[in-house]
Amino acid sequence: MIKNSLKHIKYCYNLSNKMELGLEFIEKNNLKLFENGKYNILGDDVYANIQDYQTKPQNECQWEAHRKYIDIQFIIEGKEQIGIGEIQNFRTIEHYNQEKDVEFLSTSLPQEIFLLKENDFVILYPHDVHKPQICVEHPDYVKKAVVKVRLQ
């Protein structure tokens, strides 16, 4: 997991060529002007989903993990908390869906919770189980870009 802000995004460009494309998409576009939906950056290898929603209490959010894609989650507007933990501390509650590249998990162990505010991003690898969309103090509006970067 890497957590940073837009002003330091270039420091992550060297992670991979595909990662650089996804990070450049975030840096070089005014994402506040984008409608919700999917935006192809490099076909199925790198693409962005723009979404907006109301954050929720932590107990209404789900732990999830991906196998084929790295997530770059970027807060365009608003703020939320995100839980992050190591996959070995979780058990599967909904088996992996290959088509959607998602598996839902559960844990009884405490996990770290991070604040993400406008212009913050987090890079999540397959071993980074995460629980996004957690409200900070009360449910609030968030607009987010989730850039998906295919592994390999």
C-alpha atoms as a PDB file:
ATOM      1  CA  MET A   1       0.000   0.000   0.000  1.00  0.00           C
ATOM      2  CA  ILE A   2       1.190   3.476  -0.869  1.00  0.00           C
ATOM      3  CA  LYS A   3      -0.629   6.573   0.395  1.00  0.00           C
ATOM      4  CA  ASN A   4       0.256  10.007  -0.936  1.00  0.00           C
ATOM      5  CA  SER A   5      -1.154  13.229  -2.378  1.00  0.00           C
ATOM      6  CA  LEU A   6      -1.487  14.664  -5.857  1.00  0.00           C
ATOM      7  CA  LYS A   7       1.414  17.083  -5.332  1.00  0.00           C
ATOM      8  CA  HIS A   8       3.787  14.096  -4.978  1.00  0.00           C
ATOM      9  CA  ILE A   9       2.221  11.792  -7.588  1.00  0.00           C
ATOM     10  CA  LYS A  10       5.257  11.881  -9.933  1.00  0.00           C
ATOM     11  CA  TYR A  11       7.318   9.991  -7.337  1.00  0.00           C
ATOM     12  CA  CYS A  12       5.205   6.903  -8.070  1.00  0.00           C
ATOM     13  CA  TYR A  13       5.617   7.028 -11.864  1.00  0.00           C
ATOM     14  CA  ASN A  14       8.601   4.682 -11.756  1.00  0.00           C
ATOM     15  CA  LEU A  15       6.560   1.784 -10.321  1.00  0.00           C
ATOM     16  CA  SER A  16       5.735   0.577 -13.866  1.00  0.00           C
ATOM     17  CA  ASN A  17       4.859   1.953 -17.302  1.00  0.00           C
ATOM     18  CA  LYS A  18       1.187   1.070 -16.816  1.00  0.00           C
ATOM     19  CA  MET A  19       1.173   2.628 -13.355  1.00  0.00           C
ATOM     20  CA  GLU A  20       2.626   5.805 -14.835  1.00  0.00           C
ATOM     21  CA  LEU A  21      -0.233   5.961 -17.373  1.00  0.00           C
ATOM     22  CA  GLY A  22      -2.821   5.629 -14.616  1.00  0.00           C
ATOM     23  CA  LEU A  23      -1.161   8.223 -12.409  1.00  0.00           C
ATOM     24  CA  GLU A  24      -0.774  10.649 -15.332  1.00  0.00           C
ATOM     25  CA  PHE A  25      -4.513  10.302 -16.007  1.00  0.00           C
ATOM     26  CA  ILE A  26      -5.152  11.484 -12.449  1.00  0.00           C
ATOM     27  CA  GLU A  27      -2.577  14.270 -12.580  1.00  0.00           C
ATOM     28  CA  LYS A  28      -3.299  15.713 -16.024  1.00  0.00           C
ATOM     29  CA  ASN A  29      -7.111  15.735 -16.032  1.00  0.00           C
ATOM     30  CA  ASN A  30      -9.563  17.880 -14.130  1.00  0.00           C
ATOM     31  CA  LEU A  31     -11.507  14.890 -12.836  1.00  0.00           C
ATOM     32  CA  LYS A  32     -14.107  17.142 -11.193  1.00  0.00           C
ATOM     33  CA  LEU A  33     -15.477  17.679 -14.716  1.00  0.00           C
ATOM     34  CA  PHE A  34     -15.769  13.950 -15.507  1.00  0.00           C
ATOM     35  CA  GLU A  35     -19.124  12.176 -15.388  1.00  0.00           C
ATOM     36  CA  ASN A  36     -19.453   8.844 -13.603  1.00  0.00           C
ATOM     37  CA  GLY A  37     -18.372   5.943 -15.780  1.00  0.00           C
ATOM     38  CA  LYS A  38     -15.483   3.989 -17.235  1.00  0.00           C
ATOM     39  CA  TYR A  39     -12.636   5.734 -19.067  1.00  0.00           C
ATOM     40  CA  ASN A  40     -10.164   3.659 -21.075  1.00  0.00           C
ATOM     41  CA  ILE A  41      -6.544   4.668 -20.694  1.00  0.00           C
ATOM     42  CA  LEU A  42      -4.864   1.579 -22.195  1.00  0.00           C
ATOM     43  CA  GLY A  43      -7.759  -0.753 -22.988  1.00  0.00           C
ATOM     44  CA  ASP A  44      -8.331  -3.391 -20.319  1.00  0.00           C
ATOM     45  CA  ASP A  45      -4.775  -2.962 -18.999  1.00  0.00           C
ATOM     46  CA  VAL A  46      -5.361   0.500 -17.505  1.00  0.00           C
ATOM     47  CA  TYR A  47      -8.731   2.194 -17.067  1.00  0.00           C
ATOM     48  CA  ALA A  48     -10.492   4.492 -14.642  1.00  0.00           C
ATOM     49  CA  ASN A  49     -13.910   4.292 -13.024  1.00  0.00           C
ATOM     50  CA  ILE A  50     -15.288   7.638 -11.880  1.00  0.00           C
ATOM     51  CA  GLN A  51     -17.950   7.295  -9.186  1.00  0.00           C
ATOM     52  CA  ASP A  52     -19.709   9.306  -6.553  1.00  0.00           C
ATOM     53  CA  TYR A  53     -21.535   8.123  -3.444  1.00  0.00           C
ATOM     54  CA  GLN A  54     -22.388   8.814   0.173  1.00  0.00           C
ATOM     55  CA  THR A  55     -19.910   7.408   2.670  1.00  0.00           C
ATOM     56  CA  LYS A  56     -21.265   4.941   5.242  1.00  0.00           C
ATOM     57  CA  PRO A  57     -20.625   3.817   8.798  1.00  0.00           C
ATOM     58  CA  GLN A  58     -17.777   1.297   8.962  1.00  0.00           C
ATOM     59  CA  ASN A  59     -20.067  -1.632   9.796  1.00  0.00           C
ATOM     60  CA  GLU A  60     -21.943  -1.087   6.499  1.00  0.00           C
ATOM     61  CA  CYS A  61     -18.778  -1.296   4.378  1.00  0.00           C
ATOM     62  CA  GLN A  62     -17.115  -4.486   3.088  1.00  0.00           C
ATOM     63  CA  TRP A  63     -13.544  -5.744   3.029  1.00  0.00           C
ATOM     64  CA  GLU A  64     -12.480  -6.553  -0.527  1.00  0.00           C
ATOM     65  CA  ALA A  65      -9.421  -7.675  -2.469  1.00  0.00           C
ATOM     66  CA  HIS A  66      -8.470  -8.014  -6.130  1.00  0.00           C
ATOM     67  CA  ARG A  67      -6.182 -10.459  -7.915  1.00  0.00           C
ATOM     68  CA  LYS A  68      -5.773  -9.178 -11.490  1.00  0.00           C
ATOM     69  CA  TYR A  69      -5.603  -5.428 -10.898  1.00  0.00           C
ATOM     70  CA  ILE A  70      -3.898  -2.889  -8.678  1.00  0.00           C
ATOM     71  CA  ASP A  71      -6.239  -0.125  -7.476  1.00  0.00           C
ATOM     72  CA  ILE A  72      -5.265   3.521  -7.464  1.00  0.00           C
ATOM     73  CA  GLN A  73      -8.037   5.193  -5.464  1.00  0.00           C
ATOM     74  CA  PHE A  74      -8.018   8.993  -5.797  1.00  0.00           C
ATOM     75  CA  ILE A  75     -10.353  11.339  -3.911  1.00  0.00           C
ATOM     76  CA  ILE A  76     -11.628  14.000  -6.317  1.00  0.00           C
ATOM     77  CA  GLU A  77     -14.039  15.641  -3.843  1.00  0.00           C
ATOM     78  CA  GLY A  78     -14.874  15.014  -0.197  1.00  0.00           C
ATOM     79  CA  LYS A  79     -13.180  12.769   2.326  1.00  0.00           C
ATOM     80  CA  GLU A  80     -13.499   9.219   3.555  1.00  0.00           C
ATOM     81  CA  GLN A  81     -11.726   6.675   5.658  1.00  0.00           C
ATOM     82  CA  ILE A  82     -10.376   3.437   4.236  1.00  0.00           C
ATOM     83  CA  GLY A  83      -9.451   0.334   6.164  1.00  0.00           C
ATOM     84  CA  ILE A  84      -6.399  -1.586   4.962  1.00  0.00           C
ATOM     85  CA  GLY A  85      -5.025  -4.921   6.118  1.00  0.00           C
ATOM     86  CA  GLU A  86      -2.786  -7.802   5.063  1.00  0.00           C
ATOM     87  CA  ILE A  87      -4.627 -10.604   3.280  1.00  0.00           C
ATOM     88  CA  GLN A  88      -3.246 -13.348   5.573  1.00  0.00           C
ATOM     89  CA  ASN A  89      -5.317 -11.840   8.423  1.00  0.00           C
ATOM     90  CA  PHE A  90      -8.634 -12.386   6.593  1.00  0.00           C
ATOM     91  CA  ARG A  91     -10.956 -15.216   5.658  1.00  0.00           C
ATOM     92  CA  THR A  92     -13.115 -15.363   2.552  1.00  0.00           C
ATOM     93  CA  ILE A  93     -16.829 -14.727   3.009  1.00  0.00           C
ATOM     94  CA  GLU A  94     -17.726 -14.441  -0.691  1.00  0.00           C
ATOM     95  CA  HIS A  95     -15.549 -16.397  -3.113  1.00  0.00           C
ATOM     96  CA  TYR A  96     -13.499 -14.673  -5.775  1.00  0.00           C
ATOM     97  CA  ASN A  97     -15.504 -13.483  -8.792  1.00  0.00           C
ATOM     98  CA  GLN A  98     -13.085 -13.701 -11.713  1.00  0.00           C
ATOM     99  CA  GLU A  99     -15.246 -11.588 -14.030  1.00  0.00           C
ATOM    100  CA  LYS A 100     -15.453  -8.699 -11.514  1.00  0.00           C
ATOM    101  CA  ASP A 101     -11.993  -9.349 -10.033  1.00  0.00           C
ATOM    102  CA  VAL A 102     -13.260  -9.083  -6.477  1.00  0.00           C
ATOM    103  CA  GLU A 103     -13.366 -11.236  -3.378  1.00  0.00           C
ATOM    104  CA  PHE A 104     -15.080 -10.206  -0.141  1.00  0.00           C
ATOM    105  CA  LEU A 105     -13.435 -11.025   3.155  1.00  0.00           C
ATOM    106  CA  SER A 106     -13.805 -10.730   6.918  1.00  0.00           C
ATOM    107  CA  THR A 107     -11.506 -10.480   9.911  1.00  0.00           C
ATOM    108  CA  SER A 108     -11.787 -10.299  13.667  1.00  0.00           C
ATOM    109  CA  LEU A 109      -8.390  -8.611  14.004  1.00  0.00           C
ATOM    110  CA  PRO A 110      -8.079  -4.815  14.225  1.00  0.00           C
ATOM    111  CA  GLN A 111      -6.909  -3.219  10.978  1.00  0.00           C
ATOM    112  CA  GLU A 112      -5.503   0.207  10.137  1.00  0.00           C
ATOM    113  CA  ILE A 113      -7.866   3.001   9.127  1.00  0.00           C
ATOM    114  CA  PHE A 114      -6.556   5.889   7.003  1.00  0.00           C
ATOM    115  CA  LEU A 115      -8.098   9.248   6.177  1.00  0.00           C
ATOM    116  CA  LEU A 116      -8.269  10.123   2.488  1.00  0.00           C
ATOM    117  CA  LYS A 117      -9.190  13.699   1.658  1.00  0.00           C
ATOM    118  CA  GLU A 118      -9.459  15.640  -1.587  1.00  0.00           C
ATOM    119  CA  ASN A 119      -6.364  15.075  -3.785  1.00  0.00           C
ATOM    120  CA  ASP A 120      -5.131  12.090  -1.738  1.00  0.00           C
ATOM    121  CA  PHE A 121      -4.558   8.723  -3.376  1.00  0.00           C
ATOM    122  CA  VAL A 122      -3.789   5.233  -2.230  1.00  0.00           C
ATOM    123  CA  ILE A 123      -2.263   2.429  -4.315  1.00  0.00           C
ATOM    124  CA  LEU A 124      -3.544  -0.991  -3.289  1.00  0.00           C
ATOM    125  CA  TYR A 125      -1.915  -4.253  -4.348  1.00  0.00           C
ATOM    126  CA  PRO A 126      -3.564  -7.717  -4.304  1.00  0.00           C
ATOM    127  CA  HIS A 127      -2.310  -8.415  -0.750  1.00  0.00           C
ATOM    128  CA  ASP A 128      -3.879  -5.138   0.470  1.00  0.00           C
ATOM    129  CA  VAL A 129      -7.391  -6.010   1.604  1.00  0.00           C
ATOM    130  CA  HIS A 130      -9.335  -2.763   1.804  1.00  0.00           C
ATOM    131  CA  LYS A 131     -12.608  -1.379   3.091  1.00  0.00           C
ATOM    132  CA  PRO A 132     -13.390   1.914   1.286  1.00  0.00           C
ATOM    133  CA  GLN A 133     -16.248   4.398   1.638  1.00  0.00           C
ATOM    134  CA  ILE A 134     -16.148   4.693   5.448  1.00  0.00           C
ATOM    135  CA  CYS A 135     -17.576   7.991   6.696  1.00  0.00           C
ATOM    136  CA  VAL A 136     -15.355  10.260   8.772  1.00  0.00           C
ATOM    137  CA  GLU A 137     -17.866  11.746  11.225  1.00  0.00           C
ATOM    138  CA  HIS A 138     -21.140  11.302   9.381  1.00  0.00           C
ATOM    139  CA  PRO A 139     -22.154  10.152   5.892  1.00  0.00           C
ATOM    140  CA  ASP A 140     -20.948  12.644   3.306  1.00  0.00           C
ATOM    141  CA  TYR A 141     -20.561  13.058  -0.461  1.00  0.00           C
ATOM    142  CA  VAL A 142     -17.424  11.695  -2.156  1.00  0.00           C
ATOM    143  CA  LYS A 143     -16.371  11.713  -5.790  1.00  0.00           C
ATOM    144  CA  LYS A 144     -13.589   9.254  -6.504  1.00  0.00           C
ATOM    145  CA  ALA A 145     -11.539   7.868  -9.378  1.00  0.00           C
ATOM    146  CA  VAL A 146     -10.526   4.230  -9.122  1.00  0.00           C
ATOM    147  CA  VAL A 147      -7.827   3.534 -11.696  1.00  0.00           C
ATOM    148  CA  LYS A 148      -7.368  -0.171 -12.374  1.00  0.00           C
ATOM    149  CA  VAL A 149      -3.877  -1.285 -13.456  1.00  0.00           C
ATOM    150  CA  ARG A 150      -3.583  -4.880 -14.676  1.00  0.00           C
ATOM    151  CA  LEU A 151      -0.753  -6.869 -13.130  1.00  0.00           C
ATOM    152  CA  GLN A 152       1.858  -8.161 -15.592  1.00  0.00           C
END
